[in-house]
């Protein structure tokens, strides 16, 4: 049972990394400064960052060890979420980008 759960978790992390890479491409096409870095080709972890405005940065980190959402303003941490709450916040960001073609968050 535990080996199956470990495999499912690894697949979940890989799916999340692929979605972060896709979100990065969409954000860049819409004029945002975004990046998604992974280690190697196995897609076991990623660090995703997007600048929403000057001094306003979102950082999302996923790995086998956990999932973290950090929102920074002027290099100060405004909010830090982990696990399911971090993923929900990422979905909120994706929804804003998906449904709001007129919002200009970058300066």
N, C-alpha and C. Protein backbone atom coordinates (compact mmCIF):
# COMPACT_ATOMS: atom_id res chain seq x y z
N UNK A 1 0.81 -1.19 0.00
CA UNK A 1 0.00 0.00 0.00
C UNK A 1 0.87 1.27 0.00
N UNK A 2 1.91 1.30 0.81
CA UNK A 2 2.73 2.51 0.92
C UNK A 2 3.52 2.78 -0.35
N UNK A 3 3.98 1.72 -1.00
CA UNK A 3 4.69 1.90 -2.26
C UNK A 3 3.75 2.50 -3.33
N UNK A 4 2.52 2.05 -3.35
CA UNK A 4 1.53 2.59 -4.28
C UNK A 4 1.27 4.06 -4.00
N UNK A 5 1.14 4.42 -2.73
CA UNK A 5 0.92 5.82 -2.37
C UNK A 5 2.13 6.69 -2.73
N UNK A 6 3.33 6.15 -2.54
CA UNK A 6 4.54 6.89 -2.91
C UNK A 6 4.56 7.13 -4.42
N UNK A 7 4.20 6.11 -5.20
CA UNK A 7 4.17 6.25 -6.66
C UNK A 7 3.12 7.28 -7.08
N UNK A 8 1.96 7.25 -6.46
CA UNK A 8 0.91 8.22 -6.78
C UNK A 8 1.36 9.64 -6.45
N UNK A 9 2.06 9.80 -5.35
CA UNK A 9 2.57 11.12 -4.97
C UNK A 9 3.59 11.62 -6.00
N UNK A 10 4.47 10.75 -6.42
CA UNK A 10 5.46 11.14 -7.44
C UNK A 10 4.78 11.55 -8.74
N UNK A 11 3.74 10.83 -9.13
CA UNK A 11 3.00 11.17 -10.35
C UNK A 11 2.28 12.51 -10.18
N UNK A 12 1.75 12.76 -9.00
CA UNK A 12 1.09 14.04 -8.70
C UNK A 12 2.09 15.19 -8.83
N UNK A 13 3.27 15.02 -8.27
CA UNK A 13 4.30 16.07 -8.35
C UNK A 13 4.67 16.30 -9.81
N UNK A 14 4.85 15.25 -10.58
CA UNK A 14 5.19 15.40 -12.00
C UNK A 14 4.09 16.15 -12.75
N UNK A 15 2.83 15.82 -12.49
CA UNK A 15 1.71 16.53 -13.12
C UNK A 15 1.72 18.01 -12.75
N UNK A 16 1.97 18.28 -11.50
CA UNK A 16 2.00 19.66 -11.04
C UNK A 16 3.14 20.43 -11.70
N UNK A 17 4.30 19.81 -11.83
CA UNK A 17 5.44 20.46 -12.49
C UNK A 17 5.10 20.75 -13.95
N UNK A 18 4.48 19.81 -14.65
CA UNK A 18 4.10 20.05 -16.05
C UNK A 18 3.11 21.20 -16.16
N UNK A 19 2.17 21.29 -15.24
CA UNK A 19 1.21 22.38 -15.26
C UNK A 19 1.86 23.73 -14.95
N UNK A 20 2.84 23.73 -14.06
CA UNK A 20 3.58 24.96 -13.78
C UNK A 20 4.34 25.43 -15.01
N UNK A 21 4.93 24.49 -15.75
CA UNK A 21 5.63 24.85 -16.97
C UNK A 21 4.67 25.46 -17.99
N UNK A 22 3.50 24.88 -18.12
CA UNK A 22 2.49 25.40 -19.05
C UNK A 22 2.02 26.78 -18.61
N UNK A 23 1.78 26.96 -17.32
CA UNK A 23 1.34 28.25 -16.80
C UNK A 23 2.41 29.32 -17.06
N UNK A 24 3.66 28.94 -16.93
CA UNK A 24 4.76 29.88 -17.20
C UNK A 24 4.72 30.37 -18.65
N UNK A 25 4.51 29.46 -19.58
CA UNK A 25 4.44 29.83 -20.99
C UNK A 25 3.28 30.78 -21.24
N UNK A 26 2.13 30.49 -20.67
CA UNK A 26 0.95 31.36 -20.84
C UNK A 26 1.21 32.74 -20.26
N UNK A 27 1.77 32.78 -19.06
CA UNK A 27 2.08 34.06 -18.42
C UNK A 27 3.06 34.89 -19.25
N UNK A 28 4.09 34.24 -19.76
CA UNK A 28 5.07 34.96 -20.58
C UNK A 28 4.42 35.52 -21.84
N UNK A 29 3.54 34.75 -22.47
CA UNK A 29 2.85 35.21 -23.68
C UNK A 29 1.94 36.40 -23.39
N UNK A 30 1.49 36.50 -22.15
CA UNK A 30 0.62 37.63 -21.78
C UNK A 30 1.41 38.80 -21.21
N UNK A 31 2.72 38.71 -21.26
CA UNK A 31 3.55 39.84 -20.87
C UNK A 31 4.06 39.85 -19.45
N UNK A 32 3.83 38.80 -18.70
CA UNK A 32 4.34 38.72 -17.34
C UNK A 32 5.77 38.19 -17.34
N UNK A 33 6.52 38.56 -16.35
CA UNK A 33 7.84 38.00 -16.15
C UNK A 33 7.67 36.76 -15.29
N UNK A 34 7.85 35.58 -15.90
CA UNK A 34 7.61 34.32 -15.19
C UNK A 34 8.72 33.32 -15.52
N UNK A 35 8.96 32.40 -14.59
CA UNK A 35 9.95 31.36 -14.81
C UNK A 35 9.56 30.10 -14.05
N UNK A 36 10.01 28.97 -14.57
CA UNK A 36 9.79 27.69 -13.90
C UNK A 36 11.06 26.86 -14.09
N UNK A 37 11.74 26.60 -13.00
CA UNK A 37 12.98 25.84 -13.03
C UNK A 37 12.76 24.46 -12.44
N UNK A 38 13.31 23.46 -13.12
CA UNK A 38 13.26 22.10 -12.62
C UNK A 38 14.67 21.55 -12.55
N UNK A 39 14.84 20.52 -11.76
CA UNK A 39 16.13 19.85 -11.66
C UNK A 39 16.09 18.57 -12.48
N UNK A 40 16.83 18.54 -13.56
CA UNK A 40 16.88 17.35 -14.40
C UNK A 40 15.61 17.13 -15.20
N UNK A 41 15.55 15.97 -15.83
CA UNK A 41 14.42 15.63 -16.69
C UNK A 41 13.34 14.82 -15.97
N UNK A 42 13.57 14.45 -14.74
CA UNK A 42 12.64 13.58 -14.04
C UNK A 42 11.45 14.33 -13.46
N UNK A 43 11.52 15.65 -13.46
CA UNK A 43 10.43 16.51 -13.00
C UNK A 43 9.94 16.13 -11.59
N UNK A 44 10.89 15.99 -10.67
CA UNK A 44 10.56 15.67 -9.29
C UNK A 44 10.37 16.91 -8.45
N UNK A 45 10.75 18.08 -9.00
CA UNK A 45 10.59 19.32 -8.25
C UNK A 45 10.62 20.50 -9.23
N UNK A 46 10.09 21.63 -8.76
CA UNK A 46 10.10 22.84 -9.57
C UNK A 46 10.01 24.06 -8.67
N UNK A 47 10.57 25.14 -9.18
CA UNK A 47 10.45 26.44 -8.54
C UNK A 47 9.85 27.38 -9.59
N UNK A 48 8.64 27.85 -9.31
CA UNK A 48 7.90 28.71 -10.23
C UNK A 48 7.85 30.11 -9.63
N UNK A 49 8.12 31.12 -10.45
CA UNK A 49 8.05 32.50 -9.98
C UNK A 49 7.38 33.36 -11.04
N UNK A 50 6.59 34.33 -10.58
CA UNK A 50 5.98 35.30 -11.48
C UNK A 50 5.94 36.66 -10.79
N UNK A 51 6.27 37.68 -11.55
CA UNK A 51 6.20 39.05 -11.06
C UNK A 51 4.88 39.64 -11.53
N UNK A 52 4.02 39.98 -10.58
CA UNK A 52 2.71 40.52 -10.93
C UNK A 52 2.77 42.02 -11.17
N UNK A 53 3.55 42.70 -10.39
CA UNK A 53 3.81 44.14 -10.53
C UNK A 53 5.21 44.38 -10.02
N UNK A 54 5.63 45.62 -10.14
CA UNK A 54 6.93 45.96 -9.58
C UNK A 54 6.90 45.66 -8.08
N UNK A 55 7.87 44.91 -7.62
CA UNK A 55 8.06 44.55 -6.21
C UNK A 55 7.06 43.50 -5.71
N UNK A 56 6.16 42.97 -6.54
CA UNK A 56 5.17 41.98 -6.13
C UNK A 56 5.49 40.66 -6.82
N UNK A 57 5.95 39.68 -6.04
CA UNK A 57 6.42 38.41 -6.57
C UNK A 57 5.67 37.24 -5.93
N UNK A 58 5.35 36.26 -6.77
CA UNK A 58 4.77 35.00 -6.30
C UNK A 58 5.81 33.92 -6.54
N UNK A 59 6.02 33.08 -5.54
CA UNK A 59 6.93 31.94 -5.69
C UNK A 59 6.19 30.70 -5.23
N UNK A 60 6.20 29.68 -6.08
CA UNK A 60 5.55 28.41 -5.79
C UNK A 60 6.60 27.32 -5.95
N UNK A 61 6.81 26.53 -4.91
CA UNK A 61 7.82 25.48 -4.93
C UNK A 61 7.13 24.15 -4.68
N UNK A 62 7.45 23.17 -5.52
CA UNK A 62 6.89 21.83 -5.35
C UNK A 62 8.02 20.81 -5.44
N UNK A 63 7.97 19.82 -4.56
CA UNK A 63 8.94 18.72 -4.57
C UNK A 63 8.33 17.54 -3.82
N UNK A 64 9.09 16.47 -3.75
CA UNK A 64 8.63 15.31 -2.97
C UNK A 64 8.48 15.66 -1.49
N UNK A 65 9.10 16.75 -1.06
CA UNK A 65 9.09 17.12 0.34
C UNK A 65 7.96 18.05 0.73
N UNK A 66 7.31 18.66 -0.26
CA UNK A 66 6.21 19.54 0.07
C UNK A 66 5.90 20.54 -1.03
N UNK A 67 4.88 21.34 -0.77
CA UNK A 67 4.40 22.34 -1.70
C UNK A 67 4.24 23.65 -0.93
N UNK A 68 4.80 24.73 -1.48
CA UNK A 68 4.76 26.01 -0.78
C UNK A 68 4.42 27.13 -1.75
N UNK A 69 3.55 28.03 -1.31
CA UNK A 69 3.20 29.27 -2.02
C UNK A 69 3.70 30.42 -1.16
N UNK A 70 4.48 31.32 -1.76
CA UNK A 70 4.92 32.50 -1.04
C UNK A 70 4.60 33.73 -1.88
N UNK A 71 4.03 34.71 -1.24
CA UNK A 71 3.76 35.98 -1.89
C UNK A 71 4.63 37.02 -1.22
N UNK A 72 5.41 37.73 -2.04
CA UNK A 72 6.37 38.69 -1.52
C UNK A 72 6.08 40.08 -2.07
N UNK A 73 6.27 41.07 -1.22
CA UNK A 73 6.18 42.47 -1.63
C UNK A 73 7.43 43.16 -1.16
N UNK A 74 8.19 43.73 -2.10
CA UNK A 74 9.43 44.43 -1.78
C UNK A 74 10.35 43.54 -0.95
N UNK A 75 10.48 42.28 -1.36
CA UNK A 75 11.32 41.27 -0.72
C UNK A 75 10.88 40.90 0.70
N UNK A 76 9.66 41.24 1.06
CA UNK A 76 9.13 40.85 2.37
C UNK A 76 7.98 39.88 2.17
N UNK A 77 7.96 38.85 2.97
CA UNK A 77 6.93 37.82 2.85
C UNK A 77 5.59 38.35 3.33
N UNK A 78 4.60 38.32 2.43
CA UNK A 78 3.24 38.72 2.80
C UNK A 78 2.43 37.52 3.26
N UNK A 79 2.61 36.41 2.55
CA UNK A 79 1.80 35.23 2.83
C UNK A 79 2.59 33.99 2.47
N UNK A 80 2.43 32.95 3.27
CA UNK A 80 3.05 31.67 2.98
C UNK A 80 2.02 30.58 3.27
N UNK A 81 1.75 29.78 2.25
CA UNK A 81 0.80 28.67 2.38
C UNK A 81 1.49 27.38 1.98
N UNK A 82 1.01 26.28 2.51
CA UNK A 82 1.59 24.99 2.18
C UNK A 82 0.50 23.99 1.83
N UNK A 83 0.88 22.95 1.11
CA UNK A 83 -0.02 21.85 0.78
C UNK A 83 -1.21 22.27 -0.06
N UNK A 84 -2.38 21.78 0.32
CA UNK A 84 -3.60 22.02 -0.44
C UNK A 84 -3.93 23.50 -0.54
N UNK A 85 -3.68 24.26 0.51
CA UNK A 85 -3.95 25.71 0.47
C UNK A 85 -3.06 26.41 -0.55
N UNK A 86 -1.84 25.95 -0.69
CA UNK A 86 -0.93 26.52 -1.69
C UNK A 86 -1.44 26.23 -3.10
N UNK A 87 -1.93 25.03 -3.32
CA UNK A 87 -2.45 24.66 -4.63
C UNK A 87 -3.72 25.45 -4.94
N UNK A 88 -4.57 25.67 -3.95
CA UNK A 88 -5.77 26.48 -4.16
C UNK A 88 -5.40 27.91 -4.57
N UNK A 89 -4.38 28.46 -3.95
CA UNK A 89 -3.94 29.81 -4.29
C UNK A 89 -3.37 29.85 -5.70
N UNK A 90 -2.67 28.81 -6.09
CA UNK A 90 -2.15 28.71 -7.46
C UNK A 90 -3.31 28.66 -8.45
N UNK A 91 -4.36 27.93 -8.12
CA UNK A 91 -5.53 27.86 -8.99
C UNK A 91 -6.19 29.23 -9.11
N UNK A 92 -6.23 29.98 -8.02
CA UNK A 92 -6.79 31.33 -8.07
C UNK A 92 -5.99 32.22 -9.02
N UNK A 93 -4.67 32.11 -8.97
CA UNK A 93 -3.82 32.86 -9.90
C UNK A 93 -4.11 32.45 -11.34
N UNK A 94 -4.21 31.14 -11.58
CA UNK A 94 -4.49 30.64 -12.93
C UNK A 94 -5.85 31.14 -13.42
N UNK A 95 -6.85 31.18 -12.53
CA UNK A 95 -8.17 31.67 -12.92
C UNK A 95 -8.13 33.15 -13.28
N UNK A 96 -7.39 33.93 -12.53
CA UNK A 96 -7.27 35.36 -12.83
C UNK A 96 -6.68 35.53 -14.23
N UNK A 97 -5.65 34.78 -14.52
CA UNK A 97 -5.00 34.88 -15.83
C UNK A 97 -5.94 34.36 -16.92
N UNK A 98 -6.62 33.27 -16.65
CA UNK A 98 -7.48 32.64 -17.65
C UNK A 98 -8.70 33.49 -18.00
N UNK A 99 -9.34 34.06 -16.99
CA UNK A 99 -10.62 34.74 -17.21
C UNK A 99 -10.52 36.25 -17.34
N UNK A 100 -9.35 36.79 -17.14
CA UNK A 100 -9.23 38.24 -17.19
C UNK A 100 -8.19 38.65 -18.23
N UNK A 101 -8.66 38.83 -19.45
CA UNK A 101 -7.77 39.23 -20.53
C UNK A 101 -7.45 40.71 -20.49
N UNK A 102 -8.23 41.48 -19.76
CA UNK A 102 -8.03 42.94 -19.76
C UNK A 102 -7.18 43.41 -18.60
N UNK A 103 -6.98 42.59 -17.58
CA UNK A 103 -6.18 43.02 -16.43
C UNK A 103 -4.72 43.12 -16.83
N UNK A 104 -4.10 44.21 -16.49
CA UNK A 104 -2.68 44.41 -16.72
C UNK A 104 -2.01 44.49 -15.35
N UNK A 105 -1.42 43.41 -14.91
CA UNK A 105 -0.80 43.39 -13.58
C UNK A 105 0.65 43.84 -13.62
N UNK A 106 1.29 43.75 -14.78
CA UNK A 106 2.68 44.18 -14.85
C UNK A 106 2.74 45.67 -15.13
N UNK A 107 3.82 46.28 -14.70
CA UNK A 107 3.99 47.72 -14.94
C UNK A 107 5.15 47.95 -15.86
